[in-house]
């Protein structure tokens, strides 16, 4: 039973009049620029970074602000503070800590910027502790490759899973990447044979996850647990130089985010998450028939 069914006709009419009034108010606010338009910056003008910096100085006086970028972020401003990022609105009233993902370009914008601020993340993720300073910020100068040669990547840098007769694919991933987790499910759905090569996009913590999975006696199970966010036990140490090779390879080819999908047959590269149909087309896979 709905709220309208509980009340007589007169109160129901009152509800309808209120709904009509609200609709008219929303239409008026769209025409006049009042309401939501006043709360958000114009789509045609980026927020004034000088004003954002002044507001941040007032509200976060002890936080060093190295750079502010407000263009092409839908009204948000990206704030770089040493080796970290956060986001604020145009008035620096609201602070957002998280990841910004461009769904049209299928790119993790936060990961790309973090890599620019911390270029050592891919070069030597295992060699740096959380309390060690990173290299000086520098802009990425190399566009991601569209084709690569996988020759020379060591066998011990990969976790292999999926049916051995499935379409083959190599994926550079980070177990803390939500889109990598989604891609993993799509690859499982098409029955792919996956060679997953972890890279430490999110720093030392990601590297530790990769080492625990790589050194696990049950790698595929540990991989699933890592994607689920389950804390992994520390296995016996093993040779993790393959992870160093993965990270060096990713940096050399301009892979600034995850996941990165590579077709082994010809080295063709796709950056970002793809659904099952797109993966089938890319890998030349036939649809998996439902088993009865």
Protein backbone atom coordinates (compact mmCIF):
# COMPACT_ATOMS: atom_id res chain seq x y z
CA UNK A 1 0.00 0.00 0.00
CA UNK A 2 1.36 3.41 -0.95
CA UNK A 3 1.12 6.64 0.99
CA UNK A 4 -1.57 7.80 -1.43
CA UNK A 5 -3.69 4.77 -0.70
CA UNK A 6 -3.64 5.52 3.02
CA UNK A 7 -5.02 9.05 2.67
CA UNK A 8 -8.27 10.50 1.32
CA UNK A 9 -8.51 12.33 -1.98
CA UNK A 10 -7.96 15.84 -0.56
CA UNK A 11 -4.51 15.15 0.99
CA UNK A 12 -3.57 13.26 -2.18
CA UNK A 13 -4.38 16.36 -4.23
CA UNK A 14 -2.21 18.38 -1.86
CA UNK A 15 0.72 16.07 -2.53
CA UNK A 16 0.20 16.45 -6.27
CA UNK A 17 0.09 20.25 -6.00
CA UNK A 18 3.34 20.21 -3.99
CA UNK A 19 5.02 18.00 -6.59
CA UNK A 20 3.89 20.36 -9.36
CA UNK A 21 5.22 23.35 -7.40
CA UNK A 22 8.57 21.62 -6.92
CA UNK A 23 8.79 20.86 -10.64
CA UNK A 24 8.05 24.49 -11.45
CA UNK A 25 10.72 25.66 -8.98
CA UNK A 26 13.30 23.35 -10.55
CA UNK A 27 12.40 24.64 -14.02
CA UNK A 28 12.72 28.23 -12.80
CA UNK A 29 16.09 27.49 -11.25
CA UNK A 30 17.31 26.05 -14.55
CA UNK A 31 16.22 29.18 -16.38
CA UNK A 32 17.54 31.72 -13.89
CA UNK A 33 20.69 29.99 -12.81
CA UNK A 34 19.44 29.86 -9.22
CA UNK A 35 19.74 26.71 -7.09
CA UNK A 36 22.05 23.97 -8.38
CA UNK A 37 23.67 26.31 -10.89
CA UNK A 38 24.69 28.60 -8.02
CA UNK A 39 26.23 25.73 -6.13
CA UNK A 40 28.34 24.51 -9.04
CA UNK A 41 30.72 26.42 -11.31
CA UNK A 42 29.76 27.11 -14.90
CA UNK A 43 30.50 24.30 -17.33
CA UNK A 44 32.18 26.88 -19.54
CA UNK A 45 34.55 28.38 -16.98
CA UNK A 46 37.01 26.57 -14.73
CA UNK A 47 37.19 27.73 -11.09
CA UNK A 48 39.64 30.52 -10.27
CA UNK A 49 42.72 28.69 -8.95
CA UNK A 50 43.91 31.79 -7.08
CA UNK A 51 40.67 31.88 -5.10
CA UNK A 52 40.87 28.15 -4.46
CA UNK A 53 44.45 28.52 -3.19
CA UNK A 54 43.43 31.40 -0.90
CA UNK A 55 40.55 29.38 0.54
CA UNK A 56 42.78 26.36 1.08
CA UNK A 57 45.39 28.51 2.83
CA UNK A 58 42.68 29.71 5.19
CA UNK A 59 41.21 26.26 5.88
CA UNK A 60 44.37 24.12 5.68
CA UNK A 61 47.16 26.45 6.79
CA UNK A 62 49.62 23.65 7.57
CA UNK A 63 49.14 21.75 4.30
CA UNK A 64 51.68 22.57 1.57
CA UNK A 65 49.97 23.26 -1.75
CA UNK A 66 52.31 22.60 -4.67
CA UNK A 67 49.86 22.82 -7.57
CA UNK A 68 46.17 23.33 -8.29
CA UNK A 69 44.49 22.27 -11.54
CA UNK A 70 40.80 22.91 -12.17
CA UNK A 71 40.47 22.38 -15.91
CA UNK A 72 38.47 19.47 -17.35
CA UNK A 73 37.46 18.03 -13.97
CA UNK A 74 33.76 18.86 -14.04
CA UNK A 75 33.99 21.66 -11.48
CA UNK A 76 36.47 19.94 -9.18
CA UNK A 77 40.01 21.14 -8.57
CA UNK A 78 42.92 18.74 -8.22
CA UNK A 79 45.32 19.73 -5.46
CA UNK A 80 48.86 18.34 -5.34
CA UNK A 81 50.52 18.34 -1.93
CA UNK A 82 54.01 16.82 -2.06
CA UNK A 83 53.39 13.27 -3.29
CA UNK A 84 49.65 13.10 -2.62
CA UNK A 85 46.49 14.32 -4.33
CA UNK A 86 43.09 15.44 -3.16
CA UNK A 87 40.17 17.30 -4.72
CA UNK A 88 38.07 20.29 -3.66
CA UNK A 89 35.11 22.22 -5.02
CA UNK A 90 35.46 25.75 -6.40
CA UNK A 91 35.04 27.32 -2.96
CA UNK A 92 37.31 24.78 -1.24
CA UNK A 93 34.43 24.03 1.12
CA UNK A 94 34.30 20.32 0.38
CA UNK A 95 37.37 18.09 0.27
CA UNK A 96 37.32 14.77 -1.57
CA UNK A 97 39.89 12.03 -1.05
CA UNK A 98 39.60 9.32 -3.69
CA UNK A 99 40.03 8.51 -7.35
CA UNK A 100 38.74 10.35 -10.41
CA UNK A 101 38.07 8.11 -13.40
CA UNK A 102 37.34 9.48 -16.88
CA UNK A 103 34.64 7.09 -18.10
CA UNK A 104 34.76 8.32 -21.70
CA UNK A 105 38.53 7.95 -22.02
CA UNK A 106 38.47 4.91 -19.70
CA UNK A 107 41.43 6.26 -17.77
CA UNK A 108 42.19 6.55 -14.08
CA UNK A 109 43.16 10.22 -13.94
CA UNK A 110 44.30 10.00 -10.33
CA UNK A 111 46.64 7.10 -11.00
CA UNK A 112 48.18 8.91 -13.96
CA UNK A 113 48.82 12.05 -11.89
CA UNK A 114 50.17 10.06 -8.94
CA UNK A 115 52.66 8.45 -11.28
CA UNK A 116 53.76 11.89 -12.46
CA UNK A 117 54.23 13.00 -8.86
CA UNK A 118 55.92 9.73 -7.85
CA UNK A 119 57.84 8.40 -10.86
CA UNK A 120 59.67 5.90 -8.68
CA UNK A 121 56.46 3.92 -8.08
CA UNK A 122 56.99 1.85 -11.21
CA UNK A 123 60.75 1.90 -11.34
CA UNK A 124 61.49 0.39 -7.95
CA UNK A 125 58.35 -0.10 -5.92
CA UNK A 126 59.98 -2.70 -3.70
CA UNK A 127 63.02 -0.60 -2.90
CA UNK A 128 61.11 2.23 -1.19
CA UNK A 129 59.53 2.24 2.24
CA UNK A 130 56.45 4.32 3.06
CA UNK A 131 58.61 6.85 4.91
CA UNK A 132 61.16 7.34 2.14
CA UNK A 133 61.00 10.48 0.02
CA UNK A 134 60.01 10.03 -3.59
CA UNK A 135 61.78 11.47 -6.58
CA UNK A 136 61.07 15.07 -7.55
CA UNK A 137 57.78 15.56 -9.41
CA UNK A 138 58.10 15.43 -13.17
CA UNK A 139 55.67 15.32 -16.04
CA UNK A 140 55.25 12.15 -18.03
CA UNK A 141 56.85 12.73 -21.39
CA UNK A 142 56.05 9.48 -23.18
CA UNK A 143 52.69 8.49 -24.60
CA UNK A 144 51.59 4.94 -23.98
CA UNK A 145 52.62 2.46 -26.67
CA UNK A 146 49.95 0.98 -28.93
CA UNK A 147 52.02 -2.15 -29.66
CA UNK A 148 54.72 -3.77 -27.55
CA UNK A 149 57.01 -6.76 -27.68
CA UNK A 150 56.59 -9.05 -24.69
CA UNK A 151 59.86 -10.81 -25.39
CA UNK A 152 62.20 -10.72 -22.45
CA UNK A 153 59.57 -10.49 -19.70
CA UNK A 154 60.47 -13.18 -17.14
CA UNK A 155 58.24 -16.16 -16.51
CA UNK A 156 58.29 -15.58 -12.75
CA UNK A 157 56.69 -12.14 -13.01
CA UNK A 158 53.21 -13.44 -13.85
CA UNK A 159 50.26 -15.18 -12.24
CA UNK A 160 48.54 -17.44 -14.79
CA UNK A 161 44.92 -18.42 -14.50
CA UNK A 162 41.95 -19.46 -16.61
CA UNK A 163 41.51 -22.46 -18.93
CA UNK A 164 44.70 -23.36 -20.77
CA UNK A 165 42.85 -23.55 -24.11
CA UNK A 166 41.23 -20.13 -23.74
CA UNK A 167 42.14 -17.01 -25.76
CA UNK A 168 45.47 -15.74 -24.46
CA UNK A 169 45.88 -12.29 -22.95
CA UNK A 170 48.48 -10.46 -20.87
CA UNK A 171 47.21 -7.94 -18.31
CA UNK A 172 49.24 -5.40 -16.36
CA UNK A 173 47.26 -4.77 -13.22
CA UNK A 174 47.25 -3.60 -9.62
CA UNK A 175 45.29 -5.59 -7.05
CA UNK A 176 44.05 -2.33 -5.49
CA UNK A 177 42.57 -1.16 -8.80
CA UNK A 178 38.78 -1.52 -8.92
CA UNK A 179 38.67 -1.61 -12.71
CA UNK A 180 41.30 -4.38 -12.71
CA UNK A 181 38.99 -6.40 -10.49
CA UNK A 182 36.09 -5.82 -12.89
CA UNK A 183 38.26 -6.72 -15.87
CA UNK A 184 39.28 -9.95 -14.13
CA UNK A 185 35.61 -10.94 -13.91
CA UNK A 186 35.04 -10.15 -17.60
CA UNK A 187 38.07 -12.20 -18.64
CA UNK A 188 36.81 -15.11 -16.55
CA UNK A 189 33.42 -14.79 -18.26
CA UNK A 190 34.93 -15.27 -21.73
CA UNK A 191 37.15 -18.15 -20.60
CA UNK A 192 40.42 -16.36 -21.27
CA UNK A 193 43.84 -17.74 -20.42
CA UNK A 194 45.29 -14.81 -18.47
CA UNK A 195 48.90 -13.95 -17.79
CA UNK A 196 48.51 -11.31 -15.10
CA UNK A 197 51.55 -9.15 -14.43
CA UNK A 198 51.22 -6.92 -11.35
CA UNK A 199 52.65 -3.40 -11.35
CA UNK A 200 52.68 -1.12 -8.30
CA UNK A 201 50.62 1.83 -9.49
CA UNK A 202 49.46 2.58 -5.94
CA UNK A 203 52.87 2.34 -4.31
CA UNK A 204 54.50 0.13 -1.68
CA UNK A 205 51.25 -1.33 -0.35
CA UNK A 206 50.35 -2.56 -3.82
CA UNK A 207 53.82 -4.00 -4.18
CA UNK A 208 53.40 -5.98 -0.96
CA UNK A 209 50.11 -7.39 -2.24
CA UNK A 210 51.78 -8.42 -5.50
CA UNK A 211 54.62 -10.14 -3.64
CA UNK A 212 52.21 -12.06 -1.42
CA UNK A 213 50.23 -13.28 -4.45
CA UNK A 214 53.32 -14.11 -6.50
CA UNK A 215 54.95 -16.05 -3.66
CA UNK A 216 51.77 -17.86 -2.63
CA UNK A 217 51.64 -21.64 -3.16
CA UNK A 218 48.09 -21.09 -4.45
CA UNK A 219 48.53 -18.06 -6.67
CA UNK A 220 45.10 -17.92 -8.29
CA UNK A 221 43.30 -18.20 -4.95
CA UNK A 222 45.50 -15.49 -3.48
CA UNK A 223 44.84 -13.32 -6.52
CA UNK A 224 41.07 -13.60 -5.96
CA UNK A 225 41.48 -12.79 -2.28
CA UNK A 226 43.64 -9.77 -3.08
CA UNK A 227 41.01 -8.39 -5.44
CA UNK A 228 38.37 -8.98 -2.76
CA UNK A 229 40.37 -6.84 -0.34
CA UNK A 230 41.12 -9.74 1.99
CA UNK A 231 44.30 -9.43 4.02
CA UNK A 232 46.81 -11.97 2.72
CA UNK A 233 49.17 -13.98 4.87
CA UNK A 234 52.88 -13.54 4.32
CA UNK A 235 54.10 -16.64 2.44
CA UNK A 236 57.68 -17.82 2.30
CA UNK A 237 59.85 -15.37 0.41
CA UNK A 238 60.46 -16.01 -3.28
CA UNK A 239 62.19 -14.39 -6.22
CA UNK A 240 60.25 -11.19 -6.92
CA UNK A 241 62.58 -9.75 -9.53
CA UNK A 242 59.92 -10.53 -12.11
CA UNK A 243 57.79 -7.79 -10.54
CA UNK A 244 60.67 -5.35 -10.97
CA UNK A 245 60.78 -6.33 -14.65
CA UNK A 246 57.01 -5.75 -14.99
CA UNK A 247 57.30 -2.27 -13.50
CA UNK A 248 60.30 -1.34 -15.62
CA UNK A 249 58.47 -2.58 -18.72
CA UNK A 250 55.35 -0.55 -17.86
CA UNK A 251 57.36 2.60 -17.27
CA UNK A 252 59.36 2.14 -20.47
CA UNK A 253 56.16 1.86 -22.52
CA UNK A 254 54.28 4.74 -20.85
CA UNK A 255 51.68 2.68 -18.96
CA UNK A 256 50.54 5.29 -16.43
CA UNK A 257 47.48 3.44 -15.14
CA UNK A 258 45.87 0.04 -14.84
CA UNK A 259 44.59 -2.18 -16.28
CA UNK A 260 46.56 -2.47 -19.52
CA UNK A 261 45.55 -5.32 -21.85
CA UNK A 262 48.02 -6.81 -24.33
CA UNK A 263 47.22 -9.30 -27.09
CA UNK A 264 50.20 -11.70 -27.17
CA UNK A 265 49.71 -12.62 -30.83
CA UNK A 266 50.82 -9.20 -32.09
CA UNK A 267 51.49 -7.06 -29.01
CA UNK A 268 48.47 -4.79 -29.56
CA UNK A 269 47.62 -2.72 -26.47
CA UNK A 270 44.31 -1.65 -24.94
CA UNK A 271 44.35 0.66 -21.92
CA UNK A 272 41.57 0.52 -19.36
CA UNK A 273 38.63 -1.71 -18.51
CA UNK A 274 36.69 -3.41 -21.30
CA UNK A 275 33.48 -5.48 -21.09
CA UNK A 276 33.29 -9.09 -22.23
CA UNK A 277 32.05 -8.37 -25.78
CA UNK A 278 34.89 -5.93 -26.46
CA UNK A 279 37.40 -8.41 -25.06
CA UNK A 280 36.07 -11.19 -27.29
CA UNK A 281 36.41 -8.96 -30.33
CA UNK A 282 39.92 -7.89 -29.36
CA UNK A 283 41.14 -11.40 -28.58
CA UNK A 284 39.24 -13.14 -31.36
CA UNK A 285 37.39 -15.28 -28.83
CA UNK A 286 34.19 -17.18 -29.56
CA UNK A 287 31.29 -16.73 -27.09
CA UNK A 288 31.28 -19.17 -24.20
CA UNK A 289 28.19 -21.39 -24.35
CA UNK A 290 26.21 -21.92 -21.17
CA UNK A 291 26.64 -25.39 -19.80
CA UNK A 292 23.47 -27.30 -19.04
